[in-house]
Amino acid sequence: MRQRASFTAFRRSWIGLLACGVILLSSRPIEAAENRFAFSVHISLSRKAAARLAATSEAIIVSASYSGNPIPAAEKEADEIGQIDLGIENVETPGKGGTVYVTGTKINRDHLRWLKGPVLLNLNVYSARRGGPDNILACDFFDGKLEHAVRKPLSLHCSLIAENAKTKHKY
């Protein structure tokens, strides 16, 4: 009887640990599912950019700027280019490239009621300027509907400005 009781306690503790592990492992997808503004972006680097970032311990900034077109009643709330500013979220990541998760938590949700149409996203990537005063990266950028970025991860490529590589507009 005693052996069975200890086995039951052992089994319960493992079930609890497994449940905690499932919750921890799945917290990001649940968070993303609940936040319709979250998305991922994969940053790839040219060989020269990767070497320079590593040599200078430079970081990368992913800057997401959210906006939208105003409904007629909210036109007075629009910025100088005629859009409703919803906020900016900057995510710093080590200068190694890879996948960056943008939470979308910086969006001013109160201003969503002023929008006619979808939330727009302008996404730029640049160096963090720790090794000097200037950005050293030339990166692809995204400028389009946020829903496209949320639907599937974006892929942006960066090279050194000095490489004179063409950047691409993703949308």
C-alpha atoms as a PDB file:
ATOM      1  CA  MET A   1       0.000   0.000   0.000  1.00  0.00           C
ATOM      2  CA  ARG A   2       2.781   2.399   0.916  1.00  0.00           C
ATOM      3  CA  GLN A   3       4.564   1.716  -2.361  1.00  0.00           C
ATOM      4  CA  ARG A   4       1.388   2.481  -4.326  1.00  0.00           C
ATOM      5  CA  ALA A   5       0.851   5.784  -2.465  1.00  0.00           C
ATOM      6  CA  SER A   6       4.391   6.935  -3.217  1.00  0.00           C
ATOM      7  CA  PHE A   7       3.955   5.946  -6.880  1.00  0.00           C
ATOM      8  CA  THR A   8       0.721   7.969  -7.043  1.00  0.00           C
ATOM      9  CA  ALA A   9       2.468  11.001  -5.505  1.00  0.00           C
ATOM     10  CA  PHE A  10       5.367  10.544  -7.919  1.00  0.00           C
ATOM     11  CA  ARG A  11       2.991  10.351 -10.891  1.00  0.00           C
ATOM     12  CA  ARG A  12       1.086  13.469  -9.757  1.00  0.00           C
ATOM     13  CA  SER A  13       4.302  15.448  -9.368  1.00  0.00           C
ATOM     14  CA  TRP A  14       5.437  14.470 -12.869  1.00  0.00           C
ATOM     15  CA  ILE A  15       2.048  15.337 -14.339  1.00  0.00           C
ATOM     16  CA  GLY A  16       2.297  18.746 -12.665  1.00  0.00           C
ATOM     17  CA  LEU A  17       5.816  19.275 -13.984  1.00  0.00           C
ATOM     18  CA  LEU A  18       4.771  18.244 -17.478  1.00  0.00           C
ATOM     19  CA  ALA A  19       1.798  20.617 -17.366  1.00  0.00           C
ATOM     20  CA  CYS A  20       4.085  23.472 -16.284  1.00  0.00           C
ATOM     21  CA  GLY A  21       6.473  22.631 -19.110  1.00  0.00           C
ATOM     22  CA  VAL A  22       3.673  22.646 -21.677  1.00  0.00           C
ATOM     23  CA  ILE A  23       2.484  26.023 -20.411  1.00  0.00           C
ATOM     24  CA  LEU A  24       6.007  27.480 -20.492  1.00  0.00           C
ATOM     25  CA  LEU A  25       6.807  26.104 -23.938  1.00  0.00           C
ATOM     26  CA  SER A  26       3.542  27.295 -25.410  1.00  0.00           C
ATOM     27  CA  SER A  27       3.401  30.734 -23.780  1.00  0.00           C
ATOM     28  CA  ARG A  28       4.767  32.614 -26.795  1.00  0.00           C
ATOM     29  CA  PRO A  29       2.304  31.090 -29.316  1.00  0.00           C
ATOM     30  CA  ILE A  30      -0.586  31.732 -26.911  1.00  0.00           C
ATOM     31  CA  GLU A  31       0.649  35.280 -26.423  1.00  0.00           C
ATOM     32  CA  ALA A  32       0.928  35.729 -30.199  1.00  0.00           C
ATOM     33  CA  ALA A  33      -2.542  34.299 -30.761  1.00  0.00           C
ATOM     34  CA  GLU A  34      -4.010  36.723 -28.235  1.00  0.00           C
ATOM     35  CA  ASN A  35      -2.060  39.671 -29.651  1.00  0.00           C
ATOM     36  CA  ARG A  36      -3.051  40.222 -33.257  1.00  0.00           C
ATOM     37  CA  PHE A  37      -0.257  42.803 -33.607  1.00  0.00           C
ATOM     38  CA  ALA A  38       2.697  40.479 -32.832  1.00  0.00           C
ATOM     39  CA  PHE A  39       4.942  39.145 -35.574  1.00  0.00           C
ATOM     40  CA  SER A  40       8.387  37.678 -36.255  1.00  0.00           C
ATOM     41  CA  VAL A  41      11.092  38.853 -38.586  1.00  0.00           C
ATOM     42  CA  HIS A  42      14.135  36.866 -39.674  1.00  0.00           C
ATOM     43  CA  ILE A  43      17.266  38.975 -40.156  1.00  0.00           C
ATOM     44  CA  SER A  44      20.004  37.552 -42.381  1.00  0.00           C
ATOM     45  CA  LEU A  45      23.402  39.186 -42.761  1.00  0.00           C
ATOM     46  CA  SER A  46      25.994  39.304 -45.511  1.00  0.00           C
ATOM     47  CA  ARG A  47      29.362  37.798 -44.526  1.00  0.00           C
ATOM     48  CA  LYS A  48      30.959  41.231 -44.281  1.00  0.00           C
ATOM     49  CA  ALA A  49      28.125  42.619 -42.163  1.00  0.00           C
ATOM     50  CA  ALA A  50      28.244  39.630 -39.815  1.00  0.00           C
ATOM     51  CA  ALA A  51      32.024  39.989 -39.426  1.00  0.00           C
ATOM     52  CA  ARG A  52      31.865  43.740 -38.770  1.00  0.00           C
ATOM     53  CA  LEU A  53      29.025  43.423 -36.249  1.00  0.00           C
ATOM     54  CA  ALA A  54      30.908  40.665 -34.425  1.00  0.00           C
ATOM     55  CA  ALA A  55      34.208  42.570 -34.418  1.00  0.00           C
ATOM     56  CA  THR A  56      32.606  45.701 -32.962  1.00  0.00           C
ATOM     57  CA  SER A  57      30.094  43.933 -30.651  1.00  0.00           C
ATOM     58  CA  GLU A  58      27.419  45.944 -32.428  1.00  0.00           C
ATOM     59  CA  ALA A  59      23.721  45.189 -31.911  1.00  0.00           C
ATOM     60  CA  ILE A  60      20.828  45.421 -34.359  1.00  0.00           C
ATOM     61  CA  ILE A  61      17.625  47.431 -33.899  1.00  0.00           C
ATOM     62  CA  VAL A  62      14.344  46.319 -35.461  1.00  0.00           C
ATOM     63  CA  SER A  63      12.042  49.347 -35.529  1.00  0.00           C
ATOM     64  CA  ALA A  64       8.309  48.837 -36.109  1.00  0.00           C
ATOM     65  CA  SER A  65       6.217  51.942 -36.759  1.00  0.00           C
ATOM     66  CA  TYR A  66       2.448  51.424 -36.705  1.00  0.00           C
ATOM     67  CA  SER A  67      -0.097  53.733 -38.344  1.00  0.00           C
ATOM     68  CA  GLY A  68      -3.302  53.826 -40.364  1.00  0.00           C
ATOM     69  CA  ASN A  69      -5.577  55.999 -42.451  1.00  0.00           C
ATOM     70  CA  PRO A  70      -8.116  58.101 -40.521  1.00  0.00           C
ATOM     71  CA  ILE A  71     -11.864  57.930 -40.665  1.00  0.00           C
ATOM     72  CA  PRO A  72     -13.324  61.318 -41.693  1.00  0.00           C
ATOM     73  CA  ALA A  73     -14.238  62.216 -38.085  1.00  0.00           C
ATOM     74  CA  ALA A  74     -10.605  61.671 -36.977  1.00  0.00           C
ATOM     75  CA  GLU A  75      -8.793  63.564 -39.734  1.00  0.00           C
ATOM     76  CA  LYS A  76      -7.874  66.287 -37.224  1.00  0.00           C
ATOM     77  CA  GLU A  77      -5.953  63.600 -35.259  1.00  0.00           C
ATOM     78  CA  ALA A  78      -3.786  62.689 -38.270  1.00  0.00           C
ATOM     79  CA  ASP A  79      -0.069  63.508 -38.405  1.00  0.00           C
ATOM     80  CA  GLU A  80       1.691  65.659 -41.017  1.00  0.00           C
ATOM     81  CA  ILE A  81       1.444  62.933 -43.673  1.00  0.00           C
ATOM     82  CA  GLY A  82      -2.249  62.342 -43.033  1.00  0.00           C
ATOM     83  CA  GLN A  83      -2.028  59.143 -40.976  1.00  0.00           C
ATOM     84  CA  ILE A  84      -2.977  58.172 -37.451  1.00  0.00           C
ATOM     85  CA  ASP A  85       0.196  57.406 -35.508  1.00  0.00           C
ATOM     86  CA  LEU A  86      -0.256  54.233 -33.446  1.00  0.00           C
ATOM     87  CA  GLY A  87       3.241  54.070 -31.967  1.00  0.00           C
ATOM     88  CA  ILE A  88       6.723  52.717 -32.460  1.00  0.00           C
ATOM     89  CA  GLU A  89       8.277  49.579 -31.029  1.00  0.00           C
ATOM     90  CA  ASN A  90      12.051  49.132 -31.135  1.00  0.00           C
ATOM     91  CA  VAL A  91      13.530  45.715 -30.426  1.00  0.00           C
ATOM     92  CA  GLU A  92      17.272  45.389 -29.865  1.00  0.00           C
ATOM     93  CA  THR A  93      18.920  42.093 -30.674  1.00  0.00           C
ATOM     94  CA  PRO A  94      22.555  40.929 -30.760  1.00  0.00           C
ATOM     95  CA  GLY A  95      24.312  41.637 -34.056  1.00  0.00           C
ATOM     96  CA  LYS A  96      24.170  38.025 -35.181  1.00  0.00           C
ATOM     97  CA  GLY A  97      20.997  38.034 -37.209  1.00  0.00           C
ATOM     98  CA  GLY A  98      18.305  35.455 -36.588  1.00  0.00           C
ATOM     99  CA  THR A  99      14.642  35.687 -35.701  1.00  0.00           C
ATOM    100  CA  VAL A 100      13.319  38.658 -33.758  1.00  0.00           C
ATOM    101  CA  TYR A 101       9.895  38.676 -32.107  1.00  0.00           C
ATOM    102  CA  VAL A 102       8.026  42.000 -32.138  1.00  0.00           C
ATOM    103  CA  THR A 103       5.265  42.005 -29.522  1.00  0.00           C
ATOM    104  CA  GLY A 104       3.003  44.750 -30.866  1.00  0.00           C
ATOM    105  CA  THR A 105       2.390  45.912 -27.299  1.00  0.00           C
ATOM    106  CA  LYS A 106       3.428  49.512 -28.049  1.00  0.00           C
ATOM    107  CA  ILE A 107       0.386  50.095 -30.285  1.00  0.00           C
ATOM    108  CA  ASN A 108      -1.947  52.748 -28.909  1.00  0.00           C
ATOM    109  CA  ARG A 109      -5.128  50.680 -28.977  1.00  0.00           C
ATOM    110  CA  ASP A 110      -7.286  53.713 -28.128  1.00  0.00           C
ATOM    111  CA  HIS A 111      -6.435  55.164 -31.540  1.00  0.00           C
ATOM    112  CA  LEU A 112      -7.609  52.068 -33.434  1.00  0.00           C
ATOM    113  CA  ARG A 113     -11.154  53.471 -33.413  1.00  0.00           C
ATOM    114  CA  TRP A 114      -9.893  56.352 -35.582  1.00  0.00           C
ATOM    115  CA  LEU A 115      -8.782  54.058 -38.405  1.00  0.00           C
ATOM    116  CA  LYS A 116     -10.416  53.462 -41.741  1.00  0.00           C
ATOM    117  CA  GLY A 117      -8.930  50.259 -43.050  1.00  0.00           C
ATOM    118  CA  PRO A 118      -6.065  48.099 -41.800  1.00  0.00           C
ATOM    119  CA  VAL A 119      -3.206  48.853 -39.440  1.00  0.00           C
ATOM    120  CA  LEU A 120      -0.113  49.707 -41.483  1.00  0.00           C
ATOM    121  CA  LEU A 121       3.440  48.720 -40.590  1.00  0.00           C
ATOM    122  CA  ASN A 122       6.750  50.292 -41.571  1.00  0.00           C
ATOM    123  CA  LEU A 123       9.625  48.071 -40.470  1.00  0.00           C
ATOM    124  CA  ASN A 124      13.259  49.167 -40.588  1.00  0.00           C
ATOM    125  CA  VAL A 125      16.448  47.482 -39.408  1.00  0.00           C
ATOM    126  CA  TYR A 126      19.673  49.295 -38.547  1.00  0.00           C
ATOM    127  CA  SER A 127      22.765  49.039 -36.368  1.00  0.00           C
ATOM    128  CA  ALA A 128      22.497  50.183 -32.744  1.00  0.00           C
ATOM    129  CA  ARG A 129      25.346  52.695 -33.187  1.00  0.00           C
ATOM    130  CA  ARG A 130      27.416  51.464 -30.268  1.00  0.00           C
ATOM    131  CA  GLY A 131      30.625  51.254 -32.263  1.00  0.00           C
ATOM    132  CA  GLY A 132      30.210  54.712 -33.775  1.00  0.00           C
ATOM    133  CA  PRO A 133      27.740  57.510 -34.425  1.00  0.00           C
ATOM    134  CA  ASP A 134      26.463  56.192 -37.767  1.00  0.00           C
ATOM    135  CA  ASN A 135      24.356  53.283 -38.909  1.00  0.00           C
ATOM    136  CA  ILE A 136      26.521  50.788 -40.823  1.00  0.00           C
ATOM    137  CA  LEU A 137      23.770  48.554 -42.232  1.00  0.00           C
ATOM    138  CA  ALA A 138      21.719  48.716 -45.417  1.00  0.00           C
ATOM    139  CA  CYS A 139      18.706  46.444 -44.910  1.00  0.00           C
ATOM    140  CA  ASP A 140      15.585  45.377 -46.737  1.00  0.00           C
ATOM    141  CA  PHE A 141      12.469  46.977 -45.269  1.00  0.00           C
ATOM    142  CA  PHE A 142       8.773  46.242 -44.983  1.00  0.00           C
ATOM    143  CA  ASP A 143       6.097  48.819 -45.683  1.00  0.00           C
ATOM    144  CA  GLY A 144       2.564  47.498 -45.940  1.00  0.00           C
ATOM    145  CA  LYS A 145      -0.348  46.013 -44.051  1.00  0.00           C
ATOM    146  CA  LEU A 146       0.464  44.638 -40.606  1.00  0.00           C
ATOM    147  CA  GLU A 147      -1.717  41.600 -41.317  1.00  0.00           C
ATOM    148  CA  HIS A 148       0.816  40.453 -43.950  1.00  0.00           C
ATOM    149  CA  ALA A 149       3.622  40.509 -41.375  1.00  0.00           C
ATOM    150  CA  VAL A 150       1.476  38.703 -38.813  1.00  0.00           C
ATOM    151  CA  ARG A 151       0.433  36.018 -41.290  1.00  0.00           C
ATOM    152  CA  LYS A 152       3.955  34.690 -41.889  1.00  0.00           C
ATOM    153  CA  PRO A 153       7.410  35.669 -40.662  1.00  0.00           C
ATOM    154  CA  LEU A 154       9.137  38.376 -42.655  1.00  0.00           C
ATOM    155  CA  SER A 155      12.650  37.870 -44.027  1.00  0.00           C
ATOM    156  CA  LEU A 156      14.903  40.897 -44.302  1.00  0.00           C
ATOM    157  CA  HIS A 157      18.517  40.867 -45.451  1.00  0.00           C
ATOM    158  CA  CYS A 158      21.214  43.296 -44.297  1.00  0.00           C
ATOM    159  CA  SER A 159      24.633  44.128 -45.656  1.00  0.00           C
ATOM    160  CA  LEU A 160      27.115  46.868 -44.893  1.00  0.00           C
ATOM    161  CA  ILE A 161      26.281  50.212 -46.487  1.00  0.00           C
ATOM    162  CA  ALA A 162      29.794  50.112 -47.962  1.00  0.00           C
ATOM    163  CA  GLU A 163      28.891  46.929 -49.894  1.00  0.00           C
ATOM    164  CA  ASN A 164      26.450  48.932 -52.065  1.00  0.00           C
ATOM    165  CA  ALA A 165      24.003  46.015 -52.169  1.00  0.00           C
ATOM    166  CA  LYS A 166      20.452  46.712 -53.311  1.00  0.00           C
ATOM    167  CA  THR A 167      17.820  46.706 -50.579  1.00  0.00           C
ATOM    168  CA  LYS A 168      14.350  45.369 -51.252  1.00  0.00           C
ATOM    169  CA  HIS A 169      10.952  46.761 -50.342  1.00  0.00           C
ATOM    170  CA  LYS A 170       8.895  43.922 -48.907  1.00  0.00           C
ATOM    171  CA  TYR A 171       5.128  44.211 -48.682  1.00  0.00           C
END
